[in-house]
Structures are given as structure tokens and as C-alpha cells.
Amino acid sequence: MYWYERRARSQGYRHIAGIDEAGRGPLAGPVVAAAVMMPSGYYHPEINDSKKLSCKKREMIYELIQKDALSIGIGVSEVQVIDTINILQAALLAMKEAVLGMSLKPDCLLIDGINQIDVNLPQQTIVRGDQKSISIAAASIIAKVSRDRLMGMYHRQFPIYNFLKNKGYGTREHLKAISQYGRCKLHRRSFHVVGIDYLKTDSSKI
């Protein structure tokens, strides 16, 4: 989990940020990205890929990262952006926003996945980076918890979809609610699910 950071430091970089996003797959809600810069040599055995942590553990580690990180940036691409430029470009835009929002400017980026972002900084993309880099793992936790909290807020606006539980993903309960009530403004019009007639569900009953 520390090899990429150590290599970057051996190359002369000092302000290394890990970048990751949460929310590419759901049918509703934004995609949220985070950029996290941890202190040199920082170690914590429980910082890992957010998908491998329980909700309770993620919340705990989120608070730890907030306390220990040198700098954190958050980027959000809302549903309208996702539907306009597609989910990949929206995720990359959120990542760029997260980097530009950091209080301490990074001089090197470690990015989860295969796509670089549109900033003039040295970058390395790492497939499954949230399992290989502590900086990216920290970013994955910040992004996931931040998005989950947003979906909890949206749940209070649209409780019939139970966003608090499904976070916008296409669970059976969520799909049934779409079929029954139609789509709300948080649903991604560019995402389609076999078996649902979206021409009939665009006019929401709520």
C-alpha cells in the first residue's frame, strides 16, 4: 500500500495526492471524487479500499483521515452533468475539481483506474489503485462516505426510493419504486435498465 508513494518520493516529489471517485454505477445521484494527501511515511493498517470496509468502519476511518491528512479536496458532478457529458467524463471532471480544491497543491497525482485528468501535473494511473496505494485508498473512503452522506440527504427529499439504503444503485426495491412512481430529478436519464419502460416513467408522480 506504500510502494507507489515511496517511489514518487524517490523521484523527488513531496506533495503526493491520491485520487478516486464513488458513484459511477448507480442509477441516481451524483458522482463524487476525492483527492487526499497524507503525510510522508504515514501508516494506518485499516486504511484500505472503501469497498472492503463496513459502513461503520468507513465512517471511523473517514474521521481519522480528515484529522491526519495534509490536504483533502472534494469534487462533485451532478446528474445533469453526467447526462450531458457521460459518466466517465463526469467522473474525470469531479476528480479535476477535487485536485483544484486542495488547500495544499500536489506535485504528483496517483489516480485509480486508467484515465488521467485534465490538470498540468505529473500523474500515474493505477488499476485497482485503491488496493495498492494508501493515498488512493484514503481518497476512496473520503469519496464513498461523502457520497453516501449526500444520498442520505436526498433520501429525506425522496424517501419512496430509499436512497438511504440503496445509495441510488439498481436494487430490486429501487427498480420497483421507479416502475411505480417514475423517476425523480436525481435519476440519470442516460442510464437505462432492461425491463423498465422509461417513456412511461419520465413523468414522476411525486
N, C-alpha and C. Protein backbone atom coordinates (compact mmCIF):
# COMPACT_ATOMS: atom_id res chain seq x y z
N MET A 1 0.82 -1.22 0.00
CA MET A 1 0.00 0.00 0.00
C MET A 1 0.86 1.27 0.00
N TYR A 2 2.16 1.16 0.07
CA TYR A 2 3.02 2.34 0.20
C TYR A 2 4.07 2.45 -0.90
N TRP A 3 4.16 1.43 -1.76
CA TRP A 3 5.23 1.38 -2.76
C TRP A 3 5.17 2.57 -3.71
N TYR A 4 3.99 2.91 -4.20
CA TYR A 4 3.86 4.00 -5.16
C TYR A 4 4.24 5.34 -4.54
N GLU A 5 3.85 5.54 -3.29
CA GLU A 5 4.23 6.78 -2.62
C GLU A 5 5.74 6.85 -2.42
N ARG A 6 6.33 5.74 -2.01
CA ARG A 6 7.79 5.73 -1.80
C ARG A 6 8.53 5.97 -3.11
N ARG A 7 8.05 5.38 -4.20
CA ARG A 7 8.71 5.59 -5.47
C ARG A 7 8.59 7.04 -5.92
N ALA A 8 7.42 7.63 -5.73
CA ALA A 8 7.24 9.03 -6.13
C ALA A 8 8.18 9.94 -5.32
N ARG A 9 8.33 9.64 -4.04
CA ARG A 9 9.24 10.46 -3.22
C ARG A 9 10.69 10.26 -3.65
N SER A 10 11.04 9.05 -4.06
CA SER A 10 12.40 8.80 -4.52
C SER A 10 12.70 9.55 -5.82
N GLN A 11 11.63 9.93 -6.55
CA GLN A 11 11.78 10.69 -7.78
C GLN A 11 11.77 12.19 -7.54
N GLY A 12 11.68 12.58 -6.27
CA GLY A 12 11.76 13.99 -5.92
C GLY A 12 10.44 14.67 -5.61
N TYR A 13 9.31 13.95 -5.73
CA TYR A 13 8.01 14.55 -5.42
C TYR A 13 7.78 14.56 -3.91
N ARG A 14 7.14 15.61 -3.41
CA ARG A 14 6.93 15.75 -1.98
C ARG A 14 5.45 15.85 -1.59
N HIS A 15 4.64 16.35 -2.49
CA HIS A 15 3.22 16.53 -2.19
C HIS A 15 2.40 15.61 -3.10
N ILE A 16 2.22 14.38 -2.65
CA ILE A 16 1.61 13.32 -3.46
C ILE A 16 0.15 13.13 -3.05
N ALA A 17 -0.73 13.25 -4.02
CA ALA A 17 -2.17 13.11 -3.74
C ALA A 17 -2.72 11.87 -4.43
N GLY A 18 -3.55 11.15 -3.71
CA GLY A 18 -4.29 10.03 -4.29
C GLY A 18 -5.68 10.49 -4.70
N ILE A 19 -6.15 9.99 -5.84
CA ILE A 19 -7.43 10.42 -6.41
C ILE A 19 -8.32 9.20 -6.66
N ASP A 20 -9.57 9.29 -6.24
CA ASP A 20 -10.54 8.23 -6.53
C ASP A 20 -11.93 8.82 -6.55
N GLU A 21 -12.87 8.05 -7.04
CA GLU A 21 -14.26 8.52 -7.11
C GLU A 21 -15.21 7.44 -6.61
N ALA A 22 -16.44 7.85 -6.34
CA ALA A 22 -17.50 6.93 -5.93
C ALA A 22 -18.77 7.31 -6.67
N GLY A 23 -19.49 6.29 -7.15
CA GLY A 23 -20.80 6.56 -7.73
C GLY A 23 -20.88 6.51 -9.24
N ARG A 24 -20.01 5.74 -9.90
CA ARG A 24 -20.15 5.60 -11.36
C ARG A 24 -21.35 4.74 -11.73
N GLY A 25 -21.65 3.72 -10.93
CA GLY A 25 -22.62 2.72 -11.32
C GLY A 25 -24.08 2.96 -10.98
N PRO A 26 -24.41 3.81 -10.00
CA PRO A 26 -25.81 3.96 -9.60
C PRO A 26 -26.71 4.53 -10.69
N LEU A 27 -28.00 4.34 -10.52
CA LEU A 27 -28.99 4.90 -11.43
C LEU A 27 -29.37 6.32 -11.04
N ALA A 28 -29.01 6.73 -9.83
CA ALA A 28 -29.40 8.05 -9.34
C ALA A 28 -28.28 8.66 -8.51
N GLY A 29 -28.28 9.98 -8.47
CA GLY A 29 -27.33 10.70 -7.64
C GLY A 29 -26.05 11.08 -8.37
N PRO A 30 -25.23 11.91 -7.73
CA PRO A 30 -24.01 12.41 -8.35
C PRO A 30 -22.88 11.40 -8.31
N VAL A 31 -21.80 11.71 -9.03
CA VAL A 31 -20.54 11.01 -8.84
C VAL A 31 -19.66 11.96 -8.03
N VAL A 32 -18.98 11.41 -7.03
CA VAL A 32 -18.19 12.22 -6.10
C VAL A 32 -16.74 11.75 -6.14
N ALA A 33 -15.82 12.67 -6.23
CA ALA A 33 -14.39 12.35 -6.24
C ALA A 33 -13.69 12.99 -5.05
N ALA A 34 -12.58 12.39 -4.66
CA ALA A 34 -11.78 12.95 -3.58
C ALA A 34 -10.31 12.90 -3.95
N ALA A 35 -9.58 13.90 -3.51
CA ALA A 35 -8.12 13.94 -3.62
C ALA A 35 -7.58 14.08 -2.20
N VAL A 36 -6.67 13.17 -1.84
CA VAL A 36 -6.18 13.13 -0.45
C VAL A 36 -4.66 13.08 -0.45
N MET A 37 -4.06 13.93 0.37
CA MET A 37 -2.61 13.96 0.55
C MET A 37 -2.30 13.62 2.01
N MET A 38 -1.63 12.49 2.23
CA MET A 38 -1.26 12.07 3.57
C MET A 38 0.19 12.47 3.87
N PRO A 39 0.57 12.58 5.14
CA PRO A 39 1.95 12.92 5.48
C PRO A 39 2.94 11.86 4.98
N SER A 40 4.16 12.27 4.75
CA SER A 40 5.21 11.35 4.32
C SER A 40 5.39 10.23 5.34
N GLY A 41 5.39 8.98 4.84
CA GLY A 41 5.58 7.84 5.71
C GLY A 41 4.37 7.47 6.55
N TYR A 42 3.22 8.08 6.28
CA TYR A 42 2.02 7.82 7.08
C TYR A 42 1.62 6.35 6.98
N TYR A 43 1.23 5.80 8.11
CA TYR A 43 0.82 4.39 8.14
C TYR A 43 -0.42 4.23 9.00
N HIS A 44 -1.37 3.49 8.49
CA HIS A 44 -2.51 3.04 9.29
C HIS A 44 -3.01 1.74 8.68
N PRO A 45 -3.01 0.66 9.43
CA PRO A 45 -3.32 -0.66 8.87
C PRO A 45 -4.75 -0.82 8.38
N GLU A 46 -5.66 0.05 8.80
CA GLU A 46 -7.07 -0.13 8.43
C GLU A 46 -7.48 0.72 7.23
N ILE A 47 -6.60 1.54 6.72
CA ILE A 47 -6.93 2.30 5.50
C ILE A 47 -6.78 1.36 4.31
N ASN A 48 -7.89 1.14 3.63
CA ASN A 48 -7.93 0.17 2.53
C ASN A 48 -9.03 0.59 1.57
N ASP A 49 -9.15 -0.14 0.48
CA ASP A 49 -10.22 0.05 -0.49
C ASP A 49 -11.55 0.18 0.26
N SER A 50 -12.29 1.26 0.00
CA SER A 50 -13.53 1.51 0.73
C SER A 50 -14.53 0.37 0.58
N LYS A 51 -14.49 -0.34 -0.56
CA LYS A 51 -15.45 -1.43 -0.79
C LYS A 51 -15.18 -2.62 0.12
N LYS A 52 -14.00 -2.68 0.72
CA LYS A 52 -13.66 -3.78 1.61
C LYS A 52 -13.96 -3.47 3.08
N LEU A 53 -14.50 -2.28 3.33
CA LEU A 53 -14.78 -1.86 4.70
C LEU A 53 -16.28 -1.80 4.94
N SER A 54 -16.70 -2.12 6.15
CA SER A 54 -18.10 -1.96 6.52
C SER A 54 -18.43 -0.47 6.60
N CYS A 55 -19.71 -0.17 6.56
CA CYS A 55 -20.15 1.23 6.65
C CYS A 55 -19.64 1.87 7.94
N LYS A 56 -19.74 1.16 9.03
CA LYS A 56 -19.28 1.69 10.32
C LYS A 56 -17.78 1.94 10.30
N LYS A 57 -17.03 1.00 9.74
CA LYS A 57 -15.58 1.15 9.68
C LYS A 57 -15.19 2.31 8.76
N ARG A 58 -15.89 2.44 7.63
CA ARG A 58 -15.60 3.56 6.72
C ARG A 58 -15.80 4.90 7.41
N GLU A 59 -16.88 5.02 8.16
CA GLU A 59 -17.14 6.27 8.87
C GLU A 59 -16.02 6.57 9.87
N MET A 60 -15.56 5.56 10.56
CA MET A 60 -14.49 5.74 11.54
C MET A 60 -13.19 6.18 10.86
N ILE A 61 -12.84 5.48 9.76
CA ILE A 61 -11.60 5.80 9.06
C ILE A 61 -11.72 7.16 8.36
N TYR A 62 -12.92 7.50 7.91
CA TYR A 62 -13.15 8.82 7.31
C TYR A 62 -12.74 9.92 8.28
N GLU A 63 -13.19 9.80 9.53
CA GLU A 63 -12.85 10.83 10.53
C GLU A 63 -11.35 10.84 10.80
N LEU A 64 -10.73 9.68 10.80
CA LEU A 64 -9.28 9.60 11.01
C LEU A 64 -8.53 10.31 9.88
N ILE A 65 -8.94 10.06 8.65
CA ILE A 65 -8.29 10.70 7.51
C ILE A 65 -8.49 12.21 7.54
N GLN A 66 -9.69 12.62 7.88
CA GLN A 66 -9.96 14.06 7.99
C GLN A 66 -9.01 14.72 8.98
N LYS A 67 -8.68 14.02 10.04
CA LYS A 67 -7.80 14.57 11.08
C LYS A 67 -6.34 14.53 10.67
N ASP A 68 -5.92 13.46 9.99
CA ASP A 68 -4.49 13.25 9.73
C ASP A 68 -4.01 13.77 8.38
N ALA A 69 -4.89 13.93 7.42
CA ALA A 69 -4.47 14.31 6.07
C ALA A 69 -3.88 15.72 6.05
N LEU A 70 -2.90 15.92 5.16
CA LEU A 70 -2.34 17.25 4.95
C LEU A 70 -3.30 18.13 4.17
N SER A 71 -4.04 17.52 3.26
CA SER A 71 -5.00 18.27 2.44
C SER A 71 -5.99 17.31 1.82
N ILE A 72 -7.25 17.76 1.71
CA ILE A 72 -8.32 16.98 1.09
C ILE A 72 -9.11 17.89 0.16
N GLY A 73 -9.40 17.39 -1.04
CA GLY A 73 -10.29 18.10 -1.96
C GLY A 73 -11.44 17.20 -2.36
N ILE A 74 -12.61 17.80 -2.57
CA ILE A 74 -13.80 17.06 -2.97
C ILE A 74 -14.34 17.65 -4.27
N GLY A 75 -14.73 16.79 -5.19
CA GLY A 75 -15.38 17.23 -6.42
C GLY A 75 -16.67 16.47 -6.64
N VAL A 76 -17.68 17.15 -7.15
CA VAL A 76 -19.00 16.54 -7.36
C VAL A 76 -19.50 16.88 -8.76
N SER A 77 -19.90 15.88 -9.50
CA SER A 77 -20.59 16.07 -10.78
C SER A 77 -22.03 15.61 -10.60
N GLU A 78 -22.95 16.55 -10.72
CA GLU A 78 -24.36 16.24 -10.50
C GLU A 78 -24.95 15.50 -11.70
N VAL A 79 -26.18 15.07 -11.53
CA VAL A 79 -26.85 14.23 -12.52
C VAL A 79 -26.91 14.91 -13.89
N GLN A 80 -27.19 16.22 -13.90
CA GLN A 80 -27.31 16.93 -15.17
C GLN A 80 -25.99 16.89 -15.95
N VAL A 81 -24.87 16.96 -15.23
CA VAL A 81 -23.56 16.88 -15.87
C VAL A 81 -23.32 15.48 -16.41
N ILE A 82 -23.65 14.47 -15.61
CA ILE A 82 -23.50 13.07 -16.03
C ILE A 82 -24.27 12.82 -17.33
N ASP A 83 -25.51 13.31 -17.38
CA ASP A 83 -26.34 13.07 -18.56
C ASP A 83 -25.88 13.86 -19.78
N THR A 84 -25.15 14.95 -19.55
CA THR A 84 -24.70 15.80 -20.65
C THR A 84 -23.39 15.31 -21.26
N ILE A 85 -22.43 14.92 -20.41
CA ILE A 85 -21.09 14.60 -20.94
C ILE A 85 -20.70 13.14 -20.77
N ASN A 86 -21.54 12.32 -20.19
CA ASN A 86 -21.41 10.88 -19.90
C ASN A 86 -20.70 10.66 -18.56
N ILE A 87 -20.86 9.49 -18.02
CA ILE A 87 -20.42 9.21 -16.65
C ILE A 87 -18.90 9.23 -16.52
N LEU A 88 -18.17 8.74 -17.53
CA LEU A 88 -16.71 8.75 -17.43
C LEU A 88 -16.19 10.18 -17.38
N GLN A 89 -16.64 11.02 -18.31
CA GLN A 89 -16.17 12.41 -18.33
C GLN A 89 -16.61 13.16 -17.08
N ALA A 90 -17.79 12.84 -16.56
CA ALA A 90 -18.27 13.48 -15.34
C ALA A 90 -17.39 13.08 -14.15
N ALA A 91 -16.97 11.81 -14.10
CA ALA A 91 -16.09 11.35 -13.03
C ALA A 91 -14.74 12.04 -13.11
N LEU A 92 -14.19 12.17 -14.32
CA LEU A 92 -12.90 12.83 -14.51
C LEU A 92 -13.00 14.32 -14.15
N LEU A 93 -14.13 14.93 -14.48
CA LEU A 93 -14.34 16.34 -14.12
C LEU A 93 -14.39 16.51 -12.61
N ALA A 94 -15.06 15.59 -11.91
CA ALA A 94 -15.12 15.64 -10.45
C ALA A 94 -13.73 15.45 -9.85
N MET A 95 -12.92 14.56 -10.44
CA MET A 95 -11.56 14.38 -9.98
C MET A 95 -10.73 15.66 -10.14
N LYS A 96 -10.88 16.31 -11.29
CA LYS A 96 -10.17 17.57 -11.52
C LYS A 96 -10.59 18.60 -10.47
N GLU A 97 -11.87 18.70 -10.21
CA GLU A 97 -12.39 19.64 -9.22
C GLU A 97 -11.82 19.34 -7.84
N ALA A 98 -11.69 18.05 -7.52
CA ALA A 98 -11.14 17.66 -6.22
C ALA A 98 -9.68 18.11 -6.09
N VAL A 99 -8.90 17.91 -7.14
CA VAL A 99 -7.48 18.32 -7.11
C VAL A 99 -7.37 19.83 -6.98
N LEU A 100 -8.14 20.57 -7.77
CA LEU A 100 -8.07 22.03 -7.74
C LEU A 100 -8.58 22.61 -6.42
N GLY A 101 -9.35 21.81 -5.69
CA GLY A 101 -9.90 22.28 -4.42
C GLY A 101 -9.01 22.02 -3.22
N MET A 102 -7.85 21.41 -3.43
CA MET A 102 -6.95 21.12 -2.32
C MET A 102 -6.27 22.40 -1.82
N SER A 103 -6.17 22.55 -0.51
CA SER A 103 -5.52 23.73 0.06
C SER A 103 -4.01 23.70 -0.11
N LEU A 104 -3.44 22.50 -0.18
CA LEU A 104 -2.01 22.32 -0.44
C LEU A 104 -1.87 21.71 -1.83
N LYS A 105 -1.24 22.42 -2.75
CA LYS A 105 -1.18 21.97 -4.12
C LYS A 105 -0.27 20.76 -4.26
N PRO A 106 -0.75 19.67 -4.86
CA PRO A 106 0.10 18.49 -5.06
C PRO A 106 1.10 18.70 -6.19
N ASP A 107 2.20 17.95 -6.15
CA ASP A 107 3.14 17.98 -7.27
C ASP A 107 3.18 16.63 -8.00
N CYS A 108 2.33 15.69 -7.55
CA CYS A 108 2.24 14.38 -8.18
C CYS A 108 0.90 13.76 -7.84
N LEU A 109 0.26 13.14 -8.82
CA LEU A 109 -1.05 12.52 -8.61
C LEU A 109 -0.97 11.02 -8.86
N LEU A 110 -1.58 10.26 -7.95
CA LEU A 110 -1.78 8.83 -8.13
C LEU A 110 -3.28 8.63 -8.31
N ILE A 111 -3.68 8.11 -9.47
CA ILE A 111 -5.10 8.08 -9.83
C ILE A 111 -5.58 6.64 -10.00
N ASP A 112 -6.68 6.32 -9.36
CA ASP A 112 -7.27 5.00 -9.52
C ASP A 112 -7.81 4.84 -10.93
N GLY A 113 -7.50 3.71 -11.58
CA GLY A 113 -8.04 3.43 -12.90
C GLY A 113 -7.02 3.62 -14.01
N ILE A 114 -7.52 3.95 -15.20
CA ILE A 114 -6.65 4.03 -16.38
C ILE A 114 -6.66 5.40 -17.04
N ASN A 115 -7.45 6.33 -16.51
CA ASN A 115 -7.62 7.63 -17.17
C ASN A 115 -6.97 8.76 -16.38
N GLN A 116 -6.14 9.54 -17.06
CA GLN A 116 -5.59 10.74 -16.44
C GLN A 116 -6.63 11.85 -16.46
N ILE A 117 -6.37 12.91 -15.69
CA ILE A 117 -7.30 14.02 -15.61
C ILE A 117 -6.66 15.28 -16.20
N ASP A 118 -7.49 16.24 -16.50
CA ASP A 118 -7.06 17.43 -17.24
C ASP A 118 -6.49 18.49 -16.30
N VAL A 119 -5.34 18.18 -15.72
CA VAL A 119 -4.58 19.14 -14.92
C VAL A 119 -3.11 19.01 -15.30
N ASN A 120 -2.39 20.10 -15.22
CA ASN A 120 -0.99 20.12 -15.63
C ASN A 120 -0.09 19.70 -14.48
N LEU A 121 -0.17 18.42 -14.15
CA LEU A 121 0.62 17.85 -13.06
C LEU A 121 1.08 16.45 -13.47
N PRO A 122 2.24 16.00 -12.99
CA PRO A 122 2.65 14.61 -13.22
C PRO A 122 1.61 13.66 -12.63
N GLN A 123 1.25 12.62 -13.40
CA GLN A 123 0.20 11.71 -12.98
C GLN A 123 0.59 10.27 -13.28
N GLN A 124 0.16 9.38 -12.39
CA GLN A 124 0.27 7.95 -12.67
C GLN A 124 -1.07 7.30 -12.41
N THR A 125 -1.59 6.60 -13.39
CA THR A 125 -2.83 5.85 -13.20
C THR A 125 -2.47 4.44 -12.73
N ILE A 126 -3.30 3.91 -11.83
CA ILE A 126 -3.03 2.61 -11.23
C ILE A 126 -4.33 1.80 -11.22
N VAL A 127 -4.36 0.73 -11.97
CA VAL A 127 -5.54 -0.15 -11.96
C VAL A 127 -5.67 -0.79 -10.57
N ARG A 128 -6.89 -0.72 -10.01
CA ARG A 128 -7.16 -1.17 -8.64
C ARG A 128 -6.23 -0.45 -7.65
N GLY A 129 -6.04 0.82 -7.93
CA GLY A 129 -5.16 1.62 -7.09
C GLY A 129 -5.62 1.74 -5.65
N ASP A 130 -6.94 1.61 -5.43
CA ASP A 130 -7.45 1.70 -4.06
C ASP A 130 -7.02 0.50 -3.21
N GLN A 131 -6.46 -0.52 -3.85
CA GLN A 131 -5.92 -1.67 -3.12
C GLN A 131 -4.40 -1.67 -3.07
N LYS A 132 -3.77 -0.68 -3.74
CA LYS A 132 -2.31 -0.68 -3.88
C LYS A 132 -1.64 0.57 -3.34
N SER A 133 -2.39 1.62 -3.13
CA SER A 133 -1.84 2.90 -2.69
C SER A 133 -2.63 3.42 -1.50
N ILE A 134 -1.95 3.77 -0.42
CA ILE A 134 -2.66 4.28 0.76
C ILE A 134 -3.32 5.61 0.46
N SER A 135 -2.70 6.42 -0.42
CA SER A 135 -3.29 7.73 -0.76
C SER A 135 -4.59 7.55 -1.53
N ILE A 136 -4.60 6.61 -2.50
CA ILE A 136 -5.81 6.35 -3.26
C ILE A 136 -6.86 5.68 -2.38
N ALA A 137 -6.44 4.76 -1.52
CA ALA A 137 -7.39 4.12 -0.60
C ALA A 137 -8.06 5.16 0.30
N ALA A 138 -7.27 6.11 0.79
CA ALA A 138 -7.84 7.18 1.62
C ALA A 138 -8.84 8.00 0.81
N ALA A 139 -8.49 8.29 -0.44
CA ALA A 139 -9.41 9.04 -1.30
C ALA A 139 -10.69 8.26 -1.56
N SER A 140 -10.57 6.94 -1.72
CA SER A 140 -11.76 6.13 -1.96
C SER A 140 -12.72 6.19 -0.77
N ILE A 141 -12.17 6.22 0.43
CA ILE A 141 -13.00 6.30 1.64
C ILE A 141 -13.67 7.66 1.75
N ILE A 142 -12.90 8.73 1.52
CA ILE A 142 -13.47 10.07 1.59
C ILE A 142 -14.57 10.24 0.54
N ALA A 143 -14.33 9.77 -0.69
CA ALA A 143 -15.33 9.89 -1.75
C ALA A 143 -16.58 9.10 -1.42
N LYS A 144 -16.41 7.87 -0.97
CA LYS A 144 -17.56 6.99 -0.68
C LYS A 144 -18.42 7.53 0.45
N VAL A 145 -17.79 7.92 1.55
CA VAL A 145 -18.56 8.42 2.69
C VAL A 145 -19.23 9.75 2.34
N SER A 146 -18.52 10.60 1.60
CA SER A 146 -19.11 11.88 1.20
C SER A 146 -20.34 11.66 0.34
N ARG A 147 -20.25 10.71 -0.61
CA ARG A 147 -21.40 10.45 -1.47
C ARG A 147 -22.54 9.81 -0.69
N ASP A 148 -22.21 8.86 0.19
CA ASP A 148 -23.26 8.22 0.99
C ASP A 148 -24.03 9.25 1.82
N ARG A 149 -23.32 10.22 2.34
CA ARG A 149 -23.99 11.26 3.14
C ARG A 149 -24.88 12.12 2.27
N LEU A 150 -24.44 12.41 1.05
CA LEU A 150 -25.30 13.14 0.13
C LEU A 150 -26.57 12.36 -0.18
N MET A 151 -26.42 11.05 -0.41
CA MET A 151 -27.59 10.23 -0.72
C MET A 151 -28.53 10.13 0.48
N GLY A 152 -27.97 10.18 1.69
CA GLY A 152 -28.80 10.23 2.89
C GLY A 152 -29.62 11.51 2.94
N MET A 153 -29.01 12.61 2.52
CA MET A 153 -29.73 13.88 2.46
C MET A 153 -30.84 13.83 1.40
N TYR A 154 -30.51 13.24 0.25
CA TYR A 154 -31.51 13.13 -0.82
C TYR A 154 -32.65 12.19 -0.42
N HIS A 155 -32.34 11.21 0.42
CA HIS A 155 -33.39 10.30 0.90
C HIS A 155 -34.50 11.07 1.61
N ARG A 156 -34.13 12.11 2.34
CA ARG A 156 -35.14 12.89 3.05
C ARG A 156 -36.05 13.64 2.08
N GLN A 157 -35.53 13.96 0.90
CA GLN A 157 -36.35 14.62 -0.12
C GLN A 157 -37.23 13.64 -0.87
N PHE A 158 -36.70 12.44 -1.12
CA PHE A 158 -37.40 11.44 -1.94
C PHE A 158 -37.39 10.09 -1.23
N PRO A 159 -38.07 9.96 -0.11
CA PRO A 159 -37.99 8.72 0.69
C PRO A 159 -38.54 7.49 0.00
N ILE A 160 -39.40 7.66 -1.00
CA ILE A 160 -40.00 6.48 -1.64
C ILE A 160 -38.98 5.60 -2.35
N TYR A 161 -37.81 6.16 -2.69
CA TYR A 161 -36.79 5.37 -3.39
C TYR A 161 -35.79 4.71 -2.43
N ASN A 162 -35.84 5.09 -1.17
CA ASN A 162 -34.95 4.54 -0.14
C ASN A 162 -33.47 4.70 -0.50
N PHE A 163 -33.10 5.91 -0.91
CA PHE A 163 -31.71 6.20 -1.24
C PHE A 163 -30.78 6.00 -0.04
N LEU A 164 -31.33 6.10 1.17
CA LEU A 164 -30.52 5.90 2.37
C LEU A 164 -29.92 4.50 2.37
N LYS A 165 -30.68 3.54 1.87
CA LYS A 165 -30.22 2.15 1.86
C LYS A 165 -29.50 1.79 0.57
N ASN A 166 -30.09 2.14 -0.58
CA ASN A 166 -29.52 1.65 -1.85
C ASN A 166 -28.51 2.61 -2.47
N LYS A 167 -28.41 3.85 -1.95
CA LYS A 167 -27.44 4.85 -2.45
C LYS A 167 -27.60 5.13 -3.94
N GLY A 168 -28.77 4.83 -4.48
CA GLY A 168 -29.04 5.08 -5.89
C GLY A 168 -28.76 3.89 -6.80
N TYR A 169 -28.23 2.80 -6.25
CA TYR A 169 -27.95 1.62 -7.07
C TYR A 169 -29.26 0.90 -7.43
N GLY A 170 -29.20 0.08 -8.47
CA GLY A 170 -30.39 -0.54 -9.02
C GLY A 170 -30.82 -1.79 -8.28
N THR A 171 -31.13 -1.68 -7.01
CA THR A 171 -31.65 -2.82 -6.25
C THR A 171 -33.07 -3.14 -6.70
N ARG A 172 -33.54 -4.31 -6.33
CA ARG A 172 -34.90 -4.70 -6.70
C ARG A 172 -35.92 -3.71 -6.16
N GLU A 173 -35.72 -3.28 -4.91
CA GLU A 173 -36.62 -2.32 -4.29
C GLU A 173 -36.61 -0.99 -5.04
N HIS A 174 -35.44 -0.56 -5.43
CA HIS A 174 -35.31 0.72 -6.14
C HIS A 174 -35.98 0.64 -7.51
N LEU A 175 -35.74 -0.45 -8.24
CA LEU A 175 -36.36 -0.60 -9.56
C LEU A 175 -37.88 -0.66 -9.46
N LYS A 176 -38.38 -1.30 -8.43
CA LYS A 176 -39.83 -1.36 -8.22
C LYS A 176 -40.40 0.03 -7.98
N ALA A 177 -39.68 0.85 -7.21
CA ALA A 177 -40.13 2.21 -6.93
C ALA A 177 -40.14 3.06 -8.21
N ILE A 178 -39.12 2.88 -9.07
CA ILE A 178 -39.10 3.61 -10.34
C ILE A 178 -40.29 3.21 -11.20
N SER A 179 -40.58 1.91 -11.26
CA SER A 179 -41.71 1.43 -12.06
C SER A 179 -43.03 1.98 -11.54
N GLN A 180 -43.12 2.12 -10.22
CA GLN A 180 -44.37 2.55 -9.60
C GLN A 180 -44.54 4.07 -9.62
N TYR A 181 -43.48 4.80 -9.33
CA TYR A 181 -43.59 6.25 -9.14
C TYR A 181 -42.93 7.07 -10.25
N GLY A 182 -42.18 6.43 -11.12
CA GLY A 182 -41.44 7.18 -12.12
C GLY A 182 -40.11 7.64 -11.55
N ARG A 183 -39.37 8.40 -12.35
CA ARG A 183 -38.06 8.87 -11.94
C ARG A 183 -38.14 10.29 -11.37
N CYS A 184 -37.32 10.57 -10.37
CA CYS A 184 -37.24 11.92 -9.82
C CYS A 184 -36.07 12.64 -10.48
N LYS A 185 -35.83 13.87 -10.07
CA LYS A 185 -34.78 14.68 -10.71
C LYS A 185 -33.38 14.16 -10.44
N LEU A 186 -33.23 13.24 -9.50
CA LEU A 186 -31.91 12.68 -9.19
C LEU A 186 -31.56 11.48 -10.05
N HIS A 187 -32.52 10.98 -10.81
CA HIS A 187 -32.24 9.81 -11.65
C HIS A 187 -31.52 10.21 -12.93
N ARG A 188 -30.57 9.39 -13.32
CA ARG A 188 -29.76 9.64 -14.51
C ARG A 188 -30.53 9.21 -15.75
N ARG A 189 -30.91 10.17 -16.57
CA ARG A 189 -31.68 9.86 -17.78
C ARG A 189 -30.85 9.09 -18.80
N SER A 190 -29.54 9.19 -18.72
CA SER A 190 -28.67 8.49 -19.67
C SER A 190 -28.42 7.04 -19.28
N PHE A 191 -28.93 6.63 -18.10
CA PHE A 191 -28.80 5.24 -17.65
C PHE A 191 -30.13 4.54 -17.88
N HIS A 192 -30.07 3.35 -18.46
CA HIS A 192 -31.30 2.60 -18.75
C HIS A 192 -31.19 1.19 -18.19
N VAL A 193 -32.34 0.66 -17.82
CA VAL A 193 -32.40 -0.68 -17.25
C VAL A 193 -33.38 -1.52 -18.06
N VAL A 194 -32.93 -2.69 -18.48
CA VAL A 194 -33.80 -3.60 -19.22
C VAL A 194 -35.02 -3.96 -18.36
N GLY A 195 -36.20 -3.85 -18.94
CA GLY A 195 -37.41 -4.24 -18.23
C GLY A 195 -38.21 -3.06 -17.71
N ILE A 196 -37.63 -1.84 -17.79
CA ILE A 196 -38.37 -0.65 -17.36
C ILE A 196 -38.63 0.22 -18.58
N ASP A 197 -39.89 0.58 -18.80
CA ASP A 197 -40.26 1.44 -19.92
C ASP A 197 -40.06 2.89 -19.48
N TYR A 198 -38.93 3.46 -19.87
CA TYR A 198 -38.60 4.81 -19.40
C TYR A 198 -39.49 5.88 -20.01
N LEU A 199 -40.11 5.59 -21.14
CA LEU A 199 -41.05 6.56 -21.70
C LEU A 199 -42.24 6.75 -20.78
N LYS A 200 -42.54 5.73 -20.02
CA LYS A 200 -43.68 5.81 -19.10
C LYS A 200 -43.26 6.32 -17.72
N THR A 201 -41.98 6.25 -17.44
CA THR A 201 -41.56 6.62 -16.08
C THR A 201 -40.93 8.01 -16.01
N ASP A 202 -40.86 8.72 -17.14
CA ASP A 202 -40.25 10.05 -17.10
C ASP A 202 -41.14 11.07 -16.39
N SER A 203 -42.43 10.86 -16.40
CA SER A 203 -43.32 11.77 -15.70
C SER A 203 -43.55 11.26 -14.30
N SER A 204 -42.74 11.75 -13.37
CA SER A 204 -42.80 11.26 -11.99
C SER A 204 -44.11 11.66 -11.33
N LYS A 205 -44.61 10.79 -10.48
CA LYS A 205 -45.84 11.05 -9.75
C LYS A 205 -45.60 11.80 -8.43
N ILE A 206 -44.33 12.12 -8.16
CA ILE A 206 -44.04 12.77 -6.88
C ILE A 206 -43.79 14.26 -7.08
